[in-house]
Amino acid sequence: MPIPLQTALLLVLSNLFMTFAWYGHLKSLASKPWIVAALISWGIALFEYLLQVPANRIGVQQLSVGQLKIMQEVISLSVFVPFAVFYLGQPFKLDYIWAALCLVGAAYFMFRT
């Protein structure tokens, strides 16, 4: 499997954990004290790091650090928007599209040769 694809797949999985760690408690643990939510989020974040660190170590073999960061941001928004809309019940906003277009521009400039 090509290194950029391995990296992207690991970052997608990492972002799923990260998004639940950062925002999942807003719905699932809303009635619990913040310290409980923080501790559970830290536990979830451990799995995020177990995927994110290898993703970056694999990716840096062929990608620059800037390219890795932009790839991470594109994936992060791609995971966050469906999570916000479908899990948290937030309305879809046109601003998500504008943000995505900005990231397309950032990806263009980071990956052009």
C-alpha atoms as a PDB file:
ATOM      1  CA  MET A   1       0.000   0.000   0.000  1.00  0.00           C
ATOM      2  CA  PRO A   2       1.467   3.416  -0.892  1.00  0.00           C
ATOM      3  CA  ILE A   3       2.805   5.451   2.032  1.00  0.00           C
ATOM      4  CA  PRO A   4       0.444   8.435   1.498  1.00  0.00           C
ATOM      5  CA  LEU A   5      -2.548   6.065   1.529  1.00  0.00           C
ATOM      6  CA  GLN A   6      -1.334   4.289   4.692  1.00  0.00           C
ATOM      7  CA  THR A   7      -0.892   7.684   6.305  1.00  0.00           C
ATOM      8  CA  ALA A   8      -4.323   8.918   5.261  1.00  0.00           C
ATOM      9  CA  LEU A   9      -6.083   5.771   6.504  1.00  0.00           C
ATOM     10  CA  LEU A  10      -4.349   5.921   9.884  1.00  0.00           C
ATOM     11  CA  LEU A  11      -5.179   9.626  10.159  1.00  0.00           C
ATOM     12  CA  VAL A  12      -8.847   8.981   9.385  1.00  0.00           C
ATOM     13  CA  LEU A  13      -9.023   6.374  12.163  1.00  0.00           C
ATOM     14  CA  SER A  14      -7.066   8.666  14.475  1.00  0.00           C
ATOM     15  CA  ASN A  15      -9.473  11.521  13.773  1.00  0.00           C
ATOM     16  CA  LEU A  16     -12.482   9.380  14.573  1.00  0.00           C
ATOM     17  CA  PHE A  17     -11.075   8.783  18.048  1.00  0.00           C
ATOM     18  CA  MET A  18      -9.959  12.411  18.406  1.00  0.00           C
ATOM     19  CA  THR A  19     -13.372  13.764  17.460  1.00  0.00           C
ATOM     20  CA  PHE A  20     -15.115  11.522  19.985  1.00  0.00           C
ATOM     21  CA  ALA A  21     -12.548  12.449  22.651  1.00  0.00           C
ATOM     22  CA  TRP A  22     -12.960  16.178  22.043  1.00  0.00           C
ATOM     23  CA  TYR A  23     -16.684  16.440  21.335  1.00  0.00           C
ATOM     24  CA  GLY A  24     -18.445  13.125  22.063  1.00  0.00           C
ATOM     25  CA  HIS A  25     -18.806  13.946  25.754  1.00  0.00           C
ATOM     26  CA  LEU A  26     -21.008  16.930  24.861  1.00  0.00           C
ATOM     27  CA  LYS A  27     -23.776  14.456  24.106  1.00  0.00           C
ATOM     28  CA  SER A  28     -22.916  11.179  25.805  1.00  0.00           C
ATOM     29  CA  LEU A  29     -21.604  12.561  29.112  1.00  0.00           C
ATOM     30  CA  ALA A  30     -23.468  15.874  29.303  1.00  0.00           C
ATOM     31  CA  SER A  31     -24.917  15.055  32.715  1.00  0.00           C
ATOM     32  CA  LYS A  32     -21.583  13.947  34.218  1.00  0.00           C
ATOM     33  CA  PRO A  33     -19.123  16.285  35.963  1.00  0.00           C
ATOM     34  CA  TRP A  34     -16.485  17.755  33.641  1.00  0.00           C
ATOM     35  CA  ILE A  35     -13.701  15.817  35.359  1.00  0.00           C
ATOM     36  CA  VAL A  36     -15.374  12.509  34.456  1.00  0.00           C
ATOM     37  CA  ALA A  37     -15.703  13.659  30.842  1.00  0.00           C
ATOM     38  CA  ALA A  38     -12.056  14.775  30.825  1.00  0.00           C
ATOM     39  CA  LEU A  39     -10.780  11.443  32.153  1.00  0.00           C
ATOM     40  CA  ILE A  40     -12.855   9.432  29.698  1.00  0.00           C
ATOM     41  CA  SER A  41     -11.731  11.735  26.883  1.00  0.00           C
ATOM     42  CA  TRP A  42      -8.090  11.161  27.839  1.00  0.00           C
ATOM     43  CA  GLY A  43      -8.691   7.423  27.621  1.00  0.00           C
ATOM     44  CA  ILE A  44     -10.187   7.784  24.148  1.00  0.00           C
ATOM     45  CA  ALA A  45      -7.360  10.124  23.108  1.00  0.00           C
ATOM     46  CA  LEU A  46      -4.828   7.403  23.908  1.00  0.00           C
ATOM     47  CA  PHE A  47      -6.171   5.410  20.947  1.00  0.00           C
ATOM     48  CA  GLU A  48      -5.991   8.538  18.809  1.00  0.00           C
ATOM     49  CA  TYR A  49      -2.291   8.875  19.605  1.00  0.00           C
ATOM     50  CA  LEU A  50      -1.658   5.172  18.986  1.00  0.00           C
ATOM     51  CA  LEU A  51      -2.809   5.776  15.405  1.00  0.00           C
ATOM     52  CA  GLN A  52      -1.647   9.356  14.831  1.00  0.00           C
ATOM     53  CA  VAL A  53       1.998   8.864  15.843  1.00  0.00           C
ATOM     54  CA  PRO A  54       2.573   5.916  13.468  1.00  0.00           C
ATOM     55  CA  ALA A  55       0.677   7.791  10.730  1.00  0.00           C
ATOM     56  CA  ASN A  56       3.095  10.708  10.969  1.00  0.00           C
ATOM     57  CA  ARG A  57       6.160   8.457  11.224  1.00  0.00           C
ATOM     58  CA  ILE A  58       5.080   6.549   8.134  1.00  0.00           C
ATOM     59  CA  GLY A  59       4.010   9.667   6.253  1.00  0.00           C
ATOM     60  CA  VAL A  60       7.203  11.629   6.846  1.00  0.00           C
ATOM     61  CA  GLN A  61       9.046   9.076   4.721  1.00  0.00           C
ATOM     62  CA  GLN A  62       7.508  10.654   1.601  1.00  0.00           C
ATOM     63  CA  LEU A  63       5.661  13.774   2.753  1.00  0.00           C
ATOM     64  CA  SER A  64       6.886  16.984   4.317  1.00  0.00           C
ATOM     65  CA  VAL A  65       5.692  17.983   7.769  1.00  0.00           C
ATOM     66  CA  GLY A  66       3.623  20.745   6.162  1.00  0.00           C
ATOM     67  CA  GLN A  67       1.956  18.244   3.860  1.00  0.00           C
ATOM     68  CA  LEU A  68       1.229  15.956   6.801  1.00  0.00           C
ATOM     69  CA  LYS A  69      -0.375  18.838   8.706  1.00  0.00           C
ATOM     70  CA  ILE A  70      -2.585  19.906   5.808  1.00  0.00           C
ATOM     71  CA  MET A  71      -3.589  16.278   5.201  1.00  0.00           C
ATOM     72  CA  GLN A  72      -4.502  16.075   8.906  1.00  0.00           C
ATOM     73  CA  GLU A  73      -6.618  19.244   8.701  1.00  0.00           C
ATOM     74  CA  VAL A  74      -8.492  18.104   5.587  1.00  0.00           C
ATOM     75  CA  ILE A  75      -9.209  14.751   7.205  1.00  0.00           C
ATOM     76  CA  SER A  76     -10.164  16.428  10.468  1.00  0.00           C
ATOM     77  CA  LEU A  77     -12.812  18.585   8.798  1.00  0.00           C
ATOM     78  CA  SER A  78     -14.011  15.604   6.746  1.00  0.00           C
ATOM     79  CA  VAL A  79     -14.578  13.627   9.943  1.00  0.00           C
ATOM     80  CA  PHE A  80     -15.859  16.511  12.076  1.00  0.00           C
ATOM     81  CA  VAL A  81     -18.651  17.767   9.813  1.00  0.00           C
ATOM     82  CA  PRO A  82     -20.559  14.452   9.576  1.00  0.00           C
ATOM     83  CA  PHE A  83     -19.960  13.912  13.314  1.00  0.00           C
ATOM     84  CA  ALA A  84     -21.372  17.345  14.172  1.00  0.00           C
ATOM     85  CA  VAL A  85     -24.375  16.936  11.898  1.00  0.00           C
ATOM     86  CA  PHE A  86     -25.303  13.285  12.487  1.00  0.00           C
ATOM     87  CA  TYR A  87     -24.084  12.580  16.039  1.00  0.00           C
ATOM     88  CA  LEU A  88     -24.440  15.953  17.718  1.00  0.00           C
ATOM     89  CA  GLY A  89     -27.455  17.030  15.663  1.00  0.00           C
ATOM     90  CA  GLN A  90     -25.935  20.341  14.606  1.00  0.00           C
ATOM     91  CA  PRO A  91     -27.317  21.960  11.468  1.00  0.00           C
ATOM     92  CA  PHE A  92     -25.179  21.804   8.338  1.00  0.00           C
ATOM     93  CA  LYS A  93     -23.843  25.264   7.600  1.00  0.00           C
ATOM     94  CA  LEU A  94     -22.576  26.807   4.414  1.00  0.00           C
ATOM     95  CA  ASP A  95     -19.521  27.805   6.450  1.00  0.00           C
ATOM     96  CA  TYR A  96     -18.402  24.164   6.372  1.00  0.00           C
ATOM     97  CA  ILE A  97     -18.192  24.395   2.594  1.00  0.00           C
ATOM     98  CA  TRP A  98     -16.227  27.662   2.737  1.00  0.00           C
ATOM     99  CA  ALA A  99     -13.824  26.115   5.255  1.00  0.00           C
ATOM    100  CA  ALA A 100     -13.434  23.056   3.023  1.00  0.00           C
ATOM    101  CA  LEU A 101     -12.645  25.282   0.037  1.00  0.00           C
ATOM    102  CA  CYS A 102      -9.985  27.069   2.069  1.00  0.00           C
ATOM    103  CA  LEU A 103      -8.459  23.691   2.917  1.00  0.00           C
ATOM    104  CA  VAL A 104      -8.541  22.691  -0.754  1.00  0.00           C
ATOM    105  CA  GLY A 105      -6.510  25.816  -1.445  1.00  0.00           C
ATOM    106  CA  ALA A 106      -4.106  24.989   1.386  1.00  0.00           C
ATOM    107  CA  ALA A 107      -3.714  21.440   0.101  1.00  0.00           C
ATOM    108  CA  TYR A 108      -3.054  22.732  -3.400  1.00  0.00           C
ATOM    109  CA  PHE A 109      -0.258  24.992  -2.231  1.00  0.00           C
ATOM    110  CA  MET A 110       1.297  22.339   0.038  1.00  0.00           C
ATOM    111  CA  PHE A 111       1.189  19.507  -2.493  1.00  0.00           C
ATOM    112  CA  ARG A 112       1.976  21.314  -5.749  1.00  0.00           C
ATOM    113  CA  THR A 113       5.273  20.436  -7.348  1.00  0.00           C
END
